[in-house]
Amino acid sequence: MSDALPPSELTRMIKARPLAGGSVVIEATPEERAALAARFGLGAVEALRAEVSLEQRPRAIRVTGRLKAAIQQPCAVSGEDFPVTIDEAVDLRFVEAVQRPAAEGEEIELQADDCDEIEYAGDMFDLGEAVAQTLGLAIDPYAESPNADAARKAAGIVKEGEELGPLADLLAGLKKP
């Protein structure tokens, strides 16, 4: 059994040693956008572009910039696709994987700054997959389309504080004081 991850839909390998530095633009092809839409359960990824700067740090490579995307996302209420624009800051650190095996039963304590680090092995890292993961994290799983209220009303779902109608009045009258 292998621990290898499946191949990324958006692979962009960057050579870590020596790091060229400067700016990198990642723009997804139509095929990559279709694969990312399937991965994240979207109607479509119409555009995906990340512009980032790479900077060598003492024990990491810092990647900063912006990710911009246009997606068709299903409404959390009606399920219909609607357009969503994503404009997300990118701030990541790529660190070389530590080869020290954890002792059996050893607990690992993470610091707040450790959570934005992505480990890589060898002399290259996949910036494209990091961009794909940034997109995935930027998608609001509970986004509602402009027609969400109409879908709620059609389904008989009301928001808190709204009138529930004659049945609610009847049930309220049955409550004991």
Protein backbone atom coordinates (compact mmCIF):
# COMPACT_ATOMS: atom_id res chain seq x y z
CA MET A 1 0.00 0.00 0.00
CA SER A 2 1.41 3.38 -1.01
CA ASP A 3 1.14 6.67 0.87
CA ALA A 4 1.52 8.65 -2.36
CA LEU A 5 -1.08 11.29 -3.08
CA PRO A 6 -3.00 11.22 -6.36
CA PRO A 7 -1.57 13.53 -9.02
CA SER A 8 -2.65 17.16 -8.73
CA GLU A 9 -4.99 18.72 -11.28
CA LEU A 10 -2.75 21.81 -11.29
CA THR A 11 0.89 20.74 -11.12
CA ARG A 12 3.55 23.47 -11.33
CA MET A 13 6.87 22.20 -10.06
CA ILE A 14 9.32 24.86 -8.82
CA LYS A 15 13.00 24.17 -8.30
CA ALA A 16 13.90 24.96 -4.69
CA ARG A 17 17.67 24.74 -5.04
CA PRO A 18 18.74 27.12 -6.31
CA LEU A 19 15.53 29.14 -6.03
CA ALA A 20 15.14 31.51 -8.96
CA GLY A 21 13.03 33.88 -6.84
CA GLY A 22 11.03 36.70 -8.32
CA SER A 23 7.45 36.46 -9.54
CA VAL A 24 5.55 33.46 -10.83
CA VAL A 25 2.18 33.45 -12.59
CA ILE A 26 0.07 30.31 -12.53
CA GLU A 27 -2.90 30.26 -14.88
CA ALA A 28 -5.00 27.10 -15.20
CA THR A 29 -5.74 25.66 -18.63
CA PRO A 30 -9.33 24.73 -19.59
CA GLU A 31 -8.55 21.06 -18.84
CA GLU A 32 -7.08 21.91 -15.44
CA ARG A 33 -10.07 24.13 -14.61
CA ALA A 34 -12.50 21.32 -15.50
CA ALA A 35 -10.57 18.87 -13.29
CA LEU A 36 -10.53 21.36 -10.39
CA ALA A 37 -14.29 21.94 -10.78
CA ALA A 38 -14.83 18.17 -10.44
CA ARG A 39 -12.47 17.98 -7.44
CA PHE A 40 -14.27 20.74 -5.54
CA GLY A 41 -17.84 19.91 -6.62
CA LEU A 42 -18.30 23.10 -8.64
CA GLY A 43 -20.34 23.69 -11.78
CA ALA A 44 -17.25 25.23 -13.39
CA VAL A 45 -13.98 27.02 -12.77
CA GLU A 46 -14.15 29.68 -15.47
CA ALA A 47 -10.85 31.37 -14.61
CA LEU A 48 -8.00 30.74 -12.17
CA ARG A 49 -4.87 32.85 -11.94
CA ALA A 50 -2.35 33.27 -9.14
CA GLU A 51 0.44 35.84 -9.14
CA VAL A 52 2.98 35.20 -6.41
CA SER A 53 6.49 36.16 -5.36
CA LEU A 54 9.03 33.61 -4.18
CA GLU A 55 11.56 34.53 -1.52
CA GLN A 56 14.27 32.33 -0.01
CA ARG A 57 14.24 32.42 3.80
CA PRO A 58 16.68 30.71 6.20
CA ARG A 59 14.65 27.50 6.58
CA ALA A 60 11.78 28.04 4.15
CA ILE A 61 10.63 29.48 0.87
CA ARG A 62 8.00 32.15 1.38
CA VAL A 63 5.30 32.54 -1.27
CA THR A 64 3.08 35.65 -1.18
CA GLY A 65 0.64 37.13 -3.65
CA ARG A 66 -2.98 36.84 -4.81
CA LEU A 67 -5.23 34.17 -6.23
CA LYS A 68 -8.15 35.27 -8.40
CA ALA A 69 -10.83 32.95 -9.72
CA ALA A 70 -14.27 32.97 -11.28
CA ILE A 71 -16.33 29.89 -10.45
CA GLN A 72 -19.86 28.54 -10.83
CA GLN A 73 -20.80 27.29 -7.39
CA PRO A 74 -23.92 25.38 -6.31
CA CYS A 75 -26.21 27.33 -3.97
CA ALA A 76 -26.35 25.80 -0.49
CA VAL A 77 -30.16 26.17 -0.51
CA SER A 78 -31.36 25.48 -4.05
CA GLY A 79 -28.40 23.59 -5.52
CA GLU A 80 -28.42 25.80 -8.64
CA ASP A 81 -25.08 27.07 -9.90
CA PHE A 82 -24.37 30.78 -9.59
CA PRO A 83 -21.29 32.90 -10.32
CA VAL A 84 -18.80 33.61 -7.52
CA THR A 85 -15.63 35.71 -7.73
CA ILE A 86 -12.71 34.79 -5.48
CA ASP A 87 -9.89 37.19 -4.66
CA GLU A 88 -7.71 35.60 -1.98
CA ALA A 89 -4.35 36.50 -0.45
CA VAL A 90 -1.69 33.80 -0.73
CA ASP A 91 0.87 33.54 2.09
CA LEU A 92 2.59 30.17 2.32
CA ARG A 93 5.89 28.71 3.47
CA PHE A 94 7.41 25.67 1.84
CA VAL A 95 9.75 23.81 4.18
CA GLU A 96 11.93 20.81 3.50
CA ALA A 97 10.45 17.64 5.01
CA VAL A 98 12.18 16.44 8.17
CA GLN A 99 13.19 12.79 7.90
CA ARG A 100 13.07 12.14 11.69
CA PRO A 101 10.51 9.39 12.38
CA ALA A 102 8.20 10.05 15.32
CA ALA A 103 8.62 7.67 18.23
CA GLU A 104 5.66 5.41 18.87
CA GLY A 105 3.08 7.21 21.00
CA GLU A 106 4.93 10.54 20.72
CA GLU A 107 2.64 13.55 20.63
CA ILE A 108 3.39 16.38 18.24
CA GLU A 109 2.45 19.87 19.31
CA LEU A 110 1.79 22.39 16.56
CA GLN A 111 2.38 26.09 16.97
CA ALA A 112 0.08 28.61 15.24
CA ASP A 113 2.82 29.50 12.76
CA ASP A 114 3.29 25.83 11.80
CA CYS A 115 -0.15 25.54 10.22
CA ASP A 116 0.65 27.46 7.03
CA GLU A 117 3.70 25.40 6.16
CA ILE A 118 3.79 22.90 3.32
CA GLU A 119 6.49 20.25 3.41
CA TYR A 120 8.31 19.10 0.31
CA ALA A 121 10.97 16.47 -0.31
CA GLY A 122 13.83 16.67 -2.76
CA ASP A 123 14.79 19.78 -4.66
CA MET A 124 11.35 20.74 -6.06
CA PHE A 125 7.94 21.64 -4.70
CA ASP A 126 4.49 21.80 -6.31
CA LEU A 127 3.30 25.41 -6.28
CA GLY A 128 0.32 24.51 -8.48
CA GLU A 129 -1.12 22.11 -5.92
CA ALA A 130 -0.70 24.78 -3.22
CA VAL A 131 -2.69 27.19 -5.43
CA ALA A 132 -5.37 24.51 -5.93
CA GLN A 133 -5.60 23.99 -2.16
CA THR A 134 -5.82 27.76 -1.62
CA LEU A 135 -8.76 27.84 -4.05
CA GLY A 136 -10.43 24.95 -2.22
CA LEU A 137 -10.11 26.73 1.12
CA ALA A 138 -11.47 30.00 -0.33
CA ILE A 139 -14.73 28.40 -1.51
CA ASP A 140 -17.61 29.11 0.89
CA PRO A 141 -19.42 25.76 1.32
CA TYR A 142 -22.57 27.58 2.48
CA ALA A 143 -22.74 30.24 -0.23
CA GLU A 144 -26.24 31.21 -1.26
CA SER A 145 -27.35 32.39 -4.68
CA PRO A 146 -29.48 35.51 -5.13
CA ASN A 147 -32.47 33.13 -5.56
CA ALA A 148 -31.94 31.36 -2.21
CA ASP A 149 -34.81 33.16 -0.45
CA ALA A 150 -37.23 32.22 -3.24
CA ALA A 151 -36.07 28.58 -2.99
CA ARG A 152 -36.61 28.64 0.79
CA LYS A 153 -40.08 30.11 0.38
CA ALA A 154 -41.02 27.54 -2.28
CA ALA A 155 -39.87 24.76 0.07
CA GLY A 156 -41.77 26.24 3.01
CA ILE A 157 -38.60 27.09 4.93
CA VAL A 158 -38.65 30.35 6.86
CA LYS A 159 -35.87 32.33 8.45
CA GLU A 160 -35.74 32.85 12.20
CA GLY A 161 -38.08 35.66 13.28
CA GLU A 162 -40.39 35.37 10.25
CA GLU A 163 -44.11 34.67 10.52
CA LEU A 164 -44.79 30.95 10.44
CA GLY A 165 -48.50 31.21 9.57
CA PRO A 166 -51.72 29.81 11.06
CA LEU A 167 -50.24 26.42 12.01
CA ALA A 168 -47.55 28.12 14.11
CA ASP A 169 -50.23 30.23 15.83
CA LEU A 170 -52.21 27.08 16.60
CA LEU A 171 -49.13 25.31 18.00
CA ALA A 172 -48.19 28.37 20.08
CA GLY A 173 -51.68 28.26 21.62
CA LEU A 174 -51.09 24.68 22.73
CA LYS A 175 -48.02 25.59 24.77
CA LYS A 176 -48.55 25.51 28.50
CA PRO A 177 -47.78 28.77 30.30
